[in-house]
Each structure stands twice: as structure tokens, then as C-alpha cells.
N, C-alpha and C. Protein backbone atom coordinates (compact mmCIF):
# COMPACT_ATOMS: atom_id res chain seq x y z
N MET A 1 21.80 -5.27 -13.15
CA MET A 1 21.03 -4.09 -13.53
C MET A 1 19.75 -4.03 -12.72
N THR A 2 19.51 -2.89 -12.10
CA THR A 2 18.30 -2.70 -11.32
C THR A 2 17.22 -2.12 -12.23
N SER A 3 16.00 -2.67 -12.11
CA SER A 3 14.91 -2.16 -12.93
C SER A 3 14.35 -0.88 -12.31
N SER A 4 13.75 -0.07 -13.16
CA SER A 4 13.19 1.19 -12.66
C SER A 4 11.81 0.95 -12.08
N THR A 5 11.45 1.79 -11.12
CA THR A 5 10.16 1.68 -10.43
C THR A 5 9.26 2.80 -10.90
N GLY A 6 8.00 2.47 -11.11
CA GLY A 6 6.99 3.46 -11.43
C GLY A 6 5.71 3.12 -10.70
N ILE A 7 4.79 4.05 -10.68
CA ILE A 7 3.45 3.79 -10.16
C ILE A 7 2.45 4.43 -11.11
N ARG A 8 1.25 3.90 -11.12
CA ARG A 8 0.14 4.49 -11.86
C ARG A 8 -1.16 4.03 -11.22
N LEU A 9 -2.24 4.69 -11.57
CA LEU A 9 -3.56 4.30 -11.09
C LEU A 9 -3.86 2.87 -11.55
N ILE A 10 -4.45 2.08 -10.66
CA ILE A 10 -4.79 0.71 -10.99
C ILE A 10 -5.82 0.67 -12.11
N GLU A 11 -5.80 -0.38 -12.89
CA GLU A 11 -6.73 -0.57 -14.01
C GLU A 11 -7.34 -1.96 -13.93
N PRO A 12 -8.53 -2.14 -14.52
CA PRO A 12 -9.15 -3.48 -14.50
C PRO A 12 -8.25 -4.58 -15.08
N THR A 13 -7.42 -4.23 -16.05
CA THR A 13 -6.54 -5.25 -16.65
C THR A 13 -5.41 -5.69 -15.71
N ASP A 14 -5.28 -5.05 -14.56
CA ASP A 14 -4.26 -5.46 -13.59
C ASP A 14 -4.70 -6.66 -12.76
N ALA A 15 -5.95 -7.08 -12.88
CA ALA A 15 -6.49 -8.15 -12.04
C ALA A 15 -5.68 -9.45 -12.18
N ALA A 16 -5.39 -9.87 -13.39
CA ALA A 16 -4.70 -11.15 -13.58
C ALA A 16 -3.27 -11.14 -13.02
N PRO A 17 -2.44 -10.12 -13.33
CA PRO A 17 -1.10 -10.14 -12.75
C PRO A 17 -1.11 -10.02 -11.22
N ILE A 18 -2.03 -9.23 -10.67
CA ILE A 18 -2.11 -9.12 -9.21
C ILE A 18 -2.50 -10.46 -8.61
N ALA A 19 -3.50 -11.11 -9.19
CA ALA A 19 -3.93 -12.42 -8.69
C ALA A 19 -2.78 -13.42 -8.73
N ALA A 20 -2.00 -13.42 -9.80
CA ALA A 20 -0.87 -14.35 -9.91
C ALA A 20 0.14 -14.11 -8.79
N HIS A 21 0.46 -12.85 -8.51
CA HIS A 21 1.38 -12.54 -7.41
C HIS A 21 0.78 -12.99 -6.07
N ARG A 22 -0.50 -12.69 -5.86
CA ARG A 22 -1.12 -12.99 -4.57
C ARG A 22 -1.20 -14.49 -4.32
N VAL A 23 -1.47 -15.27 -5.34
CA VAL A 23 -1.49 -16.74 -5.19
C VAL A 23 -0.10 -17.23 -4.80
N ARG A 24 0.90 -16.81 -5.55
CA ARG A 24 2.27 -17.27 -5.30
C ARG A 24 2.77 -16.83 -3.93
N ASP A 25 2.40 -15.62 -3.49
CA ASP A 25 2.95 -15.04 -2.27
C ASP A 25 2.04 -15.15 -1.05
N ALA A 26 0.96 -15.93 -1.15
CA ALA A 26 -0.01 -16.00 -0.05
C ALA A 26 0.65 -16.37 1.27
N GLU A 27 1.50 -17.35 1.27
CA GLU A 27 2.14 -17.78 2.52
C GLU A 27 3.11 -16.72 3.03
N ALA A 28 3.86 -16.08 2.14
CA ALA A 28 4.83 -15.06 2.55
C ALA A 28 4.14 -13.86 3.19
N PHE A 29 2.93 -13.52 2.71
CA PHE A 29 2.22 -12.35 3.23
C PHE A 29 1.32 -12.67 4.42
N ARG A 30 1.12 -13.96 4.72
CA ARG A 30 0.19 -14.38 5.79
C ARG A 30 0.46 -13.68 7.13
N PRO A 31 1.72 -13.51 7.57
CA PRO A 31 1.92 -12.85 8.88
C PRO A 31 1.58 -11.36 8.88
N TRP A 32 1.48 -10.74 7.71
CA TRP A 32 1.34 -9.28 7.64
C TRP A 32 -0.04 -8.80 7.24
N GLU A 33 -0.86 -9.70 6.71
CA GLU A 33 -2.15 -9.27 6.17
C GLU A 33 -3.29 -10.12 6.70
N PRO A 34 -4.50 -9.57 6.76
CA PRO A 34 -5.66 -10.35 7.22
C PRO A 34 -5.95 -11.51 6.27
N ALA A 35 -6.58 -12.54 6.80
CA ALA A 35 -7.01 -13.67 5.99
C ALA A 35 -8.01 -13.19 4.94
N GLN A 36 -7.96 -13.82 3.78
CA GLN A 36 -8.85 -13.45 2.68
C GLN A 36 -9.61 -14.68 2.20
N PRO A 37 -10.81 -14.49 1.65
CA PRO A 37 -11.53 -15.62 1.07
C PRO A 37 -10.80 -16.14 -0.17
N ALA A 38 -11.05 -17.37 -0.55
CA ALA A 38 -10.36 -17.99 -1.69
C ALA A 38 -10.53 -17.17 -2.97
N ASP A 39 -11.69 -16.54 -3.15
CA ASP A 39 -11.96 -15.77 -4.36
C ASP A 39 -11.00 -14.59 -4.52
N TYR A 40 -10.46 -14.09 -3.42
CA TYR A 40 -9.51 -12.96 -3.46
C TYR A 40 -8.31 -13.28 -4.34
N PHE A 41 -7.94 -14.54 -4.42
CA PHE A 41 -6.74 -14.95 -5.13
C PHE A 41 -7.00 -15.29 -6.59
N THR A 42 -8.19 -14.98 -7.09
CA THR A 42 -8.53 -15.25 -8.49
C THR A 42 -8.58 -13.94 -9.28
N PRO A 43 -8.36 -14.01 -10.58
CA PRO A 43 -8.51 -12.79 -11.39
C PRO A 43 -9.90 -12.16 -11.24
N ARG A 44 -10.95 -12.98 -11.15
CA ARG A 44 -12.29 -12.43 -10.97
C ARG A 44 -12.41 -11.71 -9.64
N GLY A 45 -11.88 -12.31 -8.58
CA GLY A 45 -11.92 -11.67 -7.27
C GLY A 45 -11.14 -10.37 -7.25
N GLN A 46 -9.99 -10.35 -7.92
CA GLN A 46 -9.21 -9.12 -8.00
C GLN A 46 -9.91 -8.08 -8.85
N ALA A 47 -10.58 -8.51 -9.92
CA ALA A 47 -11.32 -7.56 -10.76
C ALA A 47 -12.42 -6.88 -9.94
N GLU A 48 -13.12 -7.65 -9.09
CA GLU A 48 -14.15 -7.06 -8.25
C GLU A 48 -13.54 -6.10 -7.24
N ARG A 49 -12.39 -6.47 -6.66
CA ARG A 49 -11.71 -5.60 -5.71
C ARG A 49 -11.27 -4.31 -6.39
N ILE A 50 -10.71 -4.42 -7.60
CA ILE A 50 -10.27 -3.24 -8.35
C ILE A 50 -11.45 -2.34 -8.67
N GLU A 51 -12.58 -2.94 -9.04
CA GLU A 51 -13.78 -2.15 -9.31
C GLU A 51 -14.17 -1.33 -8.08
N GLY A 52 -14.09 -1.94 -6.90
CA GLY A 52 -14.39 -1.23 -5.65
C GLY A 52 -13.38 -0.12 -5.37
N LEU A 53 -12.11 -0.40 -5.63
CA LEU A 53 -11.07 0.62 -5.43
C LEU A 53 -11.29 1.80 -6.36
N LEU A 54 -11.63 1.53 -7.61
CA LEU A 54 -11.85 2.62 -8.57
C LEU A 54 -13.11 3.42 -8.22
N ALA A 55 -14.11 2.77 -7.64
CA ALA A 55 -15.29 3.50 -7.15
C ALA A 55 -14.87 4.44 -6.01
N GLY A 56 -14.00 3.96 -5.13
CA GLY A 56 -13.48 4.81 -4.06
C GLY A 56 -12.65 5.96 -4.61
N TYR A 57 -11.91 5.69 -5.67
CA TYR A 57 -11.12 6.74 -6.31
C TYR A 57 -12.04 7.83 -6.86
N ARG A 58 -13.11 7.41 -7.55
CA ARG A 58 -14.06 8.38 -8.10
C ARG A 58 -14.73 9.18 -6.99
N ALA A 59 -14.91 8.56 -5.82
CA ALA A 59 -15.54 9.24 -4.67
C ALA A 59 -14.54 10.10 -3.90
N GLY A 60 -13.24 9.98 -4.23
CA GLY A 60 -12.23 10.80 -3.57
C GLY A 60 -11.74 10.27 -2.24
N THR A 61 -12.02 8.99 -1.93
CA THR A 61 -11.61 8.43 -0.64
C THR A 61 -10.37 7.56 -0.72
N VAL A 62 -9.92 7.23 -1.93
CA VAL A 62 -8.77 6.34 -2.10
C VAL A 62 -8.05 6.68 -3.40
N TRP A 63 -6.73 6.51 -3.39
CA TRP A 63 -5.94 6.58 -4.62
C TRP A 63 -5.25 5.21 -4.74
N PRO A 64 -5.82 4.31 -5.58
CA PRO A 64 -5.28 2.96 -5.69
C PRO A 64 -4.29 2.85 -6.83
N GLY A 65 -3.05 2.52 -6.51
CA GLY A 65 -2.04 2.43 -7.55
C GLY A 65 -1.42 1.05 -7.64
N VAL A 66 -0.78 0.81 -8.76
CA VAL A 66 0.06 -0.37 -8.91
C VAL A 66 1.51 0.09 -8.96
N VAL A 67 2.39 -0.80 -8.53
CA VAL A 67 3.83 -0.58 -8.61
C VAL A 67 4.33 -1.33 -9.82
N LEU A 68 5.12 -0.64 -10.61
CA LEU A 68 5.66 -1.22 -11.85
C LEU A 68 7.17 -1.30 -11.79
N ALA A 69 7.71 -2.38 -12.34
CA ALA A 69 9.15 -2.49 -12.58
C ALA A 69 9.30 -2.75 -14.06
N ASP A 70 9.95 -1.82 -14.74
CA ASP A 70 10.10 -1.92 -16.19
C ASP A 70 8.77 -2.21 -16.88
N GLY A 71 7.70 -1.53 -16.41
CA GLY A 71 6.39 -1.63 -17.03
C GLY A 71 5.54 -2.81 -16.59
N GLN A 72 6.07 -3.71 -15.77
CA GLN A 72 5.32 -4.88 -15.32
C GLN A 72 4.80 -4.66 -13.90
N VAL A 73 3.56 -5.08 -13.64
CA VAL A 73 2.96 -4.95 -12.31
C VAL A 73 3.69 -5.88 -11.34
N ILE A 74 4.24 -5.29 -10.26
CA ILE A 74 4.95 -6.08 -9.24
C ILE A 74 4.38 -5.85 -7.84
N GLY A 75 3.33 -5.03 -7.72
CA GLY A 75 2.77 -4.77 -6.40
C GLY A 75 1.74 -3.67 -6.47
N GLN A 76 1.38 -3.20 -5.28
CA GLN A 76 0.42 -2.12 -5.18
C GLN A 76 0.89 -1.10 -4.15
N VAL A 77 0.47 0.13 -4.35
CA VAL A 77 0.64 1.21 -3.38
C VAL A 77 -0.67 1.98 -3.39
N THR A 78 -1.23 2.16 -2.21
CA THR A 78 -2.56 2.74 -2.10
C THR A 78 -2.56 3.82 -1.03
N VAL A 79 -3.26 4.90 -1.32
CA VAL A 79 -3.55 5.90 -0.30
C VAL A 79 -5.02 5.72 0.03
N GLY A 80 -5.30 5.29 1.25
CA GLY A 80 -6.66 5.06 1.68
C GLY A 80 -7.07 6.06 2.74
N GLY A 81 -8.34 6.01 3.09
CA GLY A 81 -8.84 6.87 4.16
C GLY A 81 -8.58 8.34 3.90
N ILE A 82 -8.64 8.75 2.63
CA ILE A 82 -8.34 10.14 2.29
C ILE A 82 -9.39 11.07 2.91
N LEU A 83 -8.89 12.05 3.64
CA LEU A 83 -9.73 13.09 4.22
C LEU A 83 -9.25 14.42 3.64
N PRO A 84 -9.92 14.90 2.57
CA PRO A 84 -9.44 16.09 1.88
C PRO A 84 -9.90 17.41 2.48
N GLN A 85 -10.69 17.38 3.55
CA GLN A 85 -11.19 18.62 4.12
C GLN A 85 -10.01 19.52 4.50
N PRO A 86 -10.17 20.84 4.34
CA PRO A 86 -9.06 21.77 4.58
C PRO A 86 -8.42 21.62 5.96
N HIS A 87 -9.20 21.23 6.96
CA HIS A 87 -8.65 21.13 8.32
C HIS A 87 -8.07 19.73 8.60
N LEU A 88 -8.14 18.81 7.64
CA LEU A 88 -7.60 17.46 7.84
C LEU A 88 -6.52 17.13 6.80
N ARG A 89 -6.90 17.05 5.54
CA ARG A 89 -6.00 16.80 4.39
C ARG A 89 -4.96 15.71 4.66
N ARG A 90 -5.44 14.49 4.89
CA ARG A 90 -4.51 13.40 5.15
C ARG A 90 -4.97 12.12 4.48
N GLY A 91 -4.04 11.17 4.38
CA GLY A 91 -4.34 9.85 3.84
C GLY A 91 -3.36 8.84 4.41
N SER A 92 -3.74 7.58 4.32
CA SER A 92 -2.95 6.49 4.88
C SER A 92 -2.34 5.66 3.74
N VAL A 93 -1.03 5.45 3.82
CA VAL A 93 -0.29 4.73 2.77
C VAL A 93 -0.19 3.25 3.12
N GLY A 94 -0.46 2.42 2.14
CA GLY A 94 -0.25 0.98 2.25
C GLY A 94 0.41 0.48 0.98
N TYR A 95 1.17 -0.60 1.08
CA TYR A 95 1.89 -1.10 -0.09
C TYR A 95 2.29 -2.55 0.11
N TRP A 96 2.49 -3.23 -0.99
CA TRP A 96 3.11 -4.56 -0.99
C TRP A 96 3.87 -4.73 -2.31
N ILE A 97 4.91 -5.51 -2.24
CA ILE A 97 5.73 -5.83 -3.43
C ILE A 97 5.80 -7.35 -3.52
N ALA A 98 5.58 -7.88 -4.70
CA ALA A 98 5.68 -9.32 -4.93
C ALA A 98 7.05 -9.83 -4.49
N THR A 99 7.09 -11.04 -3.96
CA THR A 99 8.35 -11.58 -3.44
C THR A 99 9.44 -11.63 -4.51
N VAL A 100 9.05 -11.85 -5.77
CA VAL A 100 10.05 -11.93 -6.84
C VAL A 100 10.73 -10.60 -7.11
N ALA A 101 10.15 -9.50 -6.58
CA ALA A 101 10.72 -8.17 -6.83
C ALA A 101 11.16 -7.48 -5.54
N GLN A 102 11.15 -8.20 -4.43
CA GLN A 102 11.55 -7.58 -3.16
C GLN A 102 13.06 -7.41 -3.07
N ASN A 103 13.47 -6.54 -2.15
CA ASN A 103 14.89 -6.26 -1.87
C ASN A 103 15.61 -5.66 -3.08
N GLN A 104 14.87 -4.90 -3.88
CA GLN A 104 15.46 -4.21 -5.03
C GLN A 104 15.16 -2.71 -4.99
N GLY A 105 14.60 -2.24 -3.87
CA GLY A 105 14.32 -0.82 -3.71
C GLY A 105 12.96 -0.38 -4.22
N HIS A 106 12.15 -1.30 -4.73
CA HIS A 106 10.87 -0.90 -5.32
C HIS A 106 9.88 -0.35 -4.29
N ALA A 107 9.83 -0.93 -3.10
CA ALA A 107 8.88 -0.44 -2.09
C ALA A 107 9.22 1.00 -1.72
N GLY A 108 10.48 1.26 -1.43
CA GLY A 108 10.88 2.62 -1.07
C GLY A 108 10.63 3.61 -2.18
N ASN A 109 10.94 3.21 -3.42
CA ASN A 109 10.70 4.10 -4.56
C ASN A 109 9.21 4.35 -4.76
N ALA A 110 8.39 3.29 -4.60
CA ALA A 110 6.95 3.45 -4.78
C ALA A 110 6.37 4.38 -3.72
N VAL A 111 6.83 4.25 -2.47
CA VAL A 111 6.34 5.14 -1.41
C VAL A 111 6.76 6.58 -1.71
N ALA A 112 7.98 6.79 -2.15
CA ALA A 112 8.41 8.15 -2.51
C ALA A 112 7.53 8.73 -3.61
N LEU A 113 7.21 7.91 -4.61
CA LEU A 113 6.37 8.38 -5.71
C LEU A 113 4.94 8.68 -5.25
N VAL A 114 4.39 7.84 -4.37
CA VAL A 114 3.01 8.09 -3.93
C VAL A 114 2.95 9.28 -2.98
N LEU A 115 4.03 9.56 -2.25
CA LEU A 115 4.05 10.77 -1.42
C LEU A 115 3.95 12.01 -2.31
N ARG A 116 4.59 11.96 -3.46
CA ARG A 116 4.50 13.08 -4.41
C ARG A 116 3.05 13.22 -4.92
N VAL A 117 2.40 12.10 -5.23
CA VAL A 117 0.99 12.12 -5.65
C VAL A 117 0.13 12.73 -4.55
N MET A 118 0.39 12.32 -3.31
CA MET A 118 -0.39 12.83 -2.18
C MET A 118 -0.27 14.34 -2.06
N ARG A 119 0.93 14.84 -2.21
CA ARG A 119 1.17 16.28 -2.05
C ARG A 119 0.71 17.05 -3.28
N GLU A 120 1.15 16.64 -4.47
CA GLU A 120 0.95 17.44 -5.67
C GLU A 120 -0.41 17.22 -6.33
N GLU A 121 -0.90 15.98 -6.36
CA GLU A 121 -2.17 15.72 -7.05
C GLU A 121 -3.37 15.75 -6.10
N LEU A 122 -3.18 15.20 -4.90
CA LEU A 122 -4.31 15.11 -3.98
C LEU A 122 -4.37 16.28 -3.01
N GLY A 123 -3.30 17.08 -2.93
CA GLY A 123 -3.29 18.24 -2.06
C GLY A 123 -3.33 17.91 -0.58
N LEU A 124 -2.77 16.76 -0.21
CA LEU A 124 -2.79 16.34 1.18
C LEU A 124 -1.60 16.94 1.94
N HIS A 125 -1.77 17.07 3.24
CA HIS A 125 -0.77 17.68 4.11
C HIS A 125 -0.04 16.64 4.97
N ARG A 126 -0.73 15.53 5.25
CA ARG A 126 -0.20 14.54 6.20
C ARG A 126 -0.34 13.14 5.62
N ALA A 127 0.74 12.36 5.71
CA ALA A 127 0.73 10.95 5.34
C ALA A 127 0.83 10.11 6.60
N GLU A 128 0.03 9.08 6.67
CA GLU A 128 0.07 8.16 7.80
C GLU A 128 0.29 6.75 7.27
N ALA A 129 0.77 5.87 8.13
CA ALA A 129 0.95 4.46 7.79
C ALA A 129 0.98 3.68 9.09
N SER A 130 0.84 2.38 8.99
CA SER A 130 1.02 1.52 10.16
C SER A 130 1.71 0.25 9.71
N THR A 131 2.49 -0.31 10.62
CA THR A 131 3.17 -1.58 10.37
C THR A 131 3.00 -2.46 11.59
N ASN A 132 3.15 -3.74 11.39
CA ASN A 132 3.25 -4.64 12.54
C ASN A 132 4.55 -4.31 13.25
N LEU A 133 4.58 -4.50 14.55
CA LEU A 133 5.81 -4.23 15.30
C LEU A 133 6.98 -5.06 14.79
N GLU A 134 6.68 -6.25 14.26
CA GLU A 134 7.74 -7.17 13.80
C GLU A 134 8.17 -6.92 12.35
N ASN A 135 7.46 -6.07 11.61
CA ASN A 135 7.74 -5.90 10.19
C ASN A 135 8.84 -4.86 9.97
N LEU A 136 10.06 -5.26 10.26
CA LEU A 136 11.21 -4.35 10.16
C LEU A 136 11.48 -3.87 8.74
N PRO A 137 11.36 -4.73 7.71
CA PRO A 137 11.59 -4.21 6.35
C PRO A 137 10.64 -3.07 5.98
N SER A 138 9.37 -3.20 6.33
CA SER A 138 8.42 -2.13 6.03
C SER A 138 8.75 -0.88 6.83
N GLN A 139 9.19 -1.05 8.06
CA GLN A 139 9.58 0.11 8.87
C GLN A 139 10.77 0.83 8.26
N ARG A 140 11.72 0.08 7.69
CA ARG A 140 12.86 0.72 7.02
C ARG A 140 12.40 1.54 5.81
N VAL A 141 11.44 1.01 5.04
CA VAL A 141 10.89 1.73 3.89
C VAL A 141 10.31 3.07 4.35
N LEU A 142 9.53 3.04 5.42
CA LEU A 142 8.91 4.27 5.90
C LEU A 142 9.94 5.26 6.43
N ARG A 143 10.90 4.77 7.23
CA ARG A 143 11.95 5.67 7.75
C ARG A 143 12.72 6.34 6.62
N ARG A 144 13.07 5.57 5.59
CA ARG A 144 13.83 6.12 4.45
C ARG A 144 13.03 7.17 3.70
N ASN A 145 11.71 7.15 3.87
CA ASN A 145 10.85 8.13 3.21
C ASN A 145 10.39 9.23 4.16
N GLY A 146 11.10 9.41 5.27
CA GLY A 146 10.84 10.53 6.15
C GLY A 146 9.73 10.34 7.16
N PHE A 147 9.17 9.14 7.28
CA PHE A 147 8.15 8.88 8.29
C PHE A 147 8.82 8.69 9.64
N THR A 148 8.10 9.08 10.70
CA THR A 148 8.56 8.81 12.05
C THR A 148 7.44 8.10 12.81
N PRO A 149 7.80 7.19 13.72
CA PRO A 149 6.77 6.52 14.50
C PRO A 149 6.22 7.47 15.57
N TYR A 150 4.92 7.34 15.85
CA TYR A 150 4.35 8.22 16.86
C TYR A 150 3.48 7.50 17.87
N GLY A 151 3.37 6.19 17.78
CA GLY A 151 2.57 5.50 18.78
C GLY A 151 2.35 4.04 18.43
N VAL A 152 1.76 3.34 19.36
CA VAL A 152 1.43 1.93 19.17
C VAL A 152 -0.08 1.78 19.32
N ALA A 153 -0.69 1.12 18.36
CA ALA A 153 -2.11 0.77 18.44
C ALA A 153 -2.17 -0.66 18.95
N HIS A 154 -2.57 -0.81 20.20
CA HIS A 154 -2.58 -2.13 20.82
C HIS A 154 -3.74 -2.98 20.32
N SER A 155 -3.43 -4.24 20.04
CA SER A 155 -4.44 -5.22 19.63
C SER A 155 -5.30 -4.65 18.49
N ALA A 156 -4.65 -4.11 17.48
CA ALA A 156 -5.33 -3.32 16.45
C ALA A 156 -5.81 -4.11 15.25
N ILE A 157 -5.17 -5.26 14.95
CA ILE A 157 -5.54 -6.00 13.75
C ILE A 157 -5.41 -7.49 14.01
N PHE A 158 -6.38 -8.24 13.50
CA PHE A 158 -6.39 -9.69 13.68
C PHE A 158 -5.66 -10.33 12.51
N LEU A 159 -4.49 -10.88 12.77
CA LEU A 159 -3.64 -11.47 11.74
C LEU A 159 -3.17 -12.84 12.17
N ASP A 160 -3.24 -13.78 11.26
CA ASP A 160 -2.64 -15.09 11.48
C ASP A 160 -3.11 -15.70 12.81
N GLY A 161 -4.41 -15.51 13.14
CA GLY A 161 -4.99 -16.13 14.32
C GLY A 161 -4.83 -15.37 15.63
N ASN A 162 -4.22 -14.18 15.60
CA ASN A 162 -3.99 -13.42 16.82
C ASN A 162 -4.21 -11.93 16.60
N TRP A 163 -4.61 -11.24 17.67
CA TRP A 163 -4.67 -9.79 17.63
C TRP A 163 -3.25 -9.26 17.75
N ARG A 164 -2.87 -8.35 16.86
CA ARG A 164 -1.51 -7.82 16.81
C ARG A 164 -1.50 -6.31 17.05
N ASP A 165 -0.39 -5.86 17.62
CA ASP A 165 -0.18 -4.42 17.81
C ASP A 165 0.35 -3.83 16.50
N GLY A 166 0.04 -2.57 16.29
CA GLY A 166 0.55 -1.86 15.12
C GLY A 166 1.37 -0.66 15.54
N LEU A 167 2.44 -0.41 14.82
CA LEU A 167 3.25 0.80 15.03
C LEU A 167 2.72 1.86 14.06
N LEU A 168 2.37 3.03 14.59
CA LEU A 168 1.78 4.10 13.80
C LEU A 168 2.87 5.07 13.33
N TRP A 169 2.79 5.49 12.08
CA TRP A 169 3.80 6.33 11.45
C TRP A 169 3.15 7.57 10.86
N GLU A 170 3.93 8.67 10.78
CA GLU A 170 3.43 9.91 10.20
C GLU A 170 4.55 10.64 9.45
N ARG A 171 4.10 11.41 8.48
CA ARG A 171 5.02 12.32 7.79
C ARG A 171 4.20 13.52 7.33
N ILE A 172 4.72 14.71 7.63
CA ILE A 172 4.08 15.93 7.16
C ILE A 172 4.60 16.21 5.76
N LEU A 173 3.67 16.42 4.83
CA LEU A 173 4.03 16.58 3.43
C LEU A 173 4.34 18.03 3.07
N GLY A 174 3.88 18.96 3.88
CA GLY A 174 4.11 20.37 3.57
C GLY A 174 3.00 20.93 2.71
N ASP A 175 3.09 22.21 2.46
CA ASP A 175 2.05 22.88 1.66
C ASP A 175 2.50 23.04 0.23
């Protein structure tokens, strides 16, 4: 039986389950994400991060969500860099799914749900994303959700001790 996927705005009470996932999955995510201070992996560190995300939400620059499977937090999906001006109307999608819930369709479902939030709630016209050139599973998630690659950002992010290239993705959401 496959569990159902949902998303909702992040809440302060999500700090402990997120921290638990991040501690367990730190090594699995190391090739894909920047290094973090030790405090990042604690409930207190996550609570502070969530507080910052919610401040960004109130300012209209970010929509920070959690991914749920049967009501349990299994990851995050975030729209960052929101530019709501009429001539821009875009945001950048980022997501992660805990290793215990990967390969069950949750990432693809969460991206589909956040694209609806971007279009219907945030009034955005364009969705953007980036992946490491080597991150084929994430690229499949984006392709299945109608994203197309449009360029390479060379030496764009410092990960795992090296500068890495990023593949840039886009999807027009429509009016």
C-alpha cells in the first residue's frame, strides 16, 4: 500500500521530526547539499531555521512547506526567491524527502502540489529549480512535473569540498 502525499505550510512543531530526519540522513544528503553547522541537526537549530522561514513567508519571499505521508512529516518543499512583481512573478522550487520515504512517489507528488500553490495561491507565472548534474532522481522528478532544462550554471555551489555545476530548470505555470 502506498501512502498518500500532502503538503502544508511549515510549523514550529515540525522542528523535532525534521531534525530527526536530517540527523539520520546527513550522510545520504552530503553530496547534494551545502555543509551545515552541528546545530542545524538539532530540534533547536531547526526551530530557529523554521522561525526564519516563517518570517520570510510573512514578508512574501518564501513559501516553506513540509511534505507529509499519511499525516507524518517526511520532508520539505519550499518555494524560495519569490518575486511577485507583475513583470516577474516567479519562484524557485526546492525539496527533499527523508530516505525512509524515498522511491515512493512523494517527491513528485509534493512538487506537483507546490506548483498548484505557486499558481493558485501565490499567483506566480514561472517556476524555476536547479539540480546537480549528477542528481538524476531529482531531475526525473522535475521532468515528470513538466520542467525542462535550460542551462548550466558553472561552478555554482560549493558541495562536499568542491565547486559543482548546476542544471537549471524552468516551467511556465500559466495565468
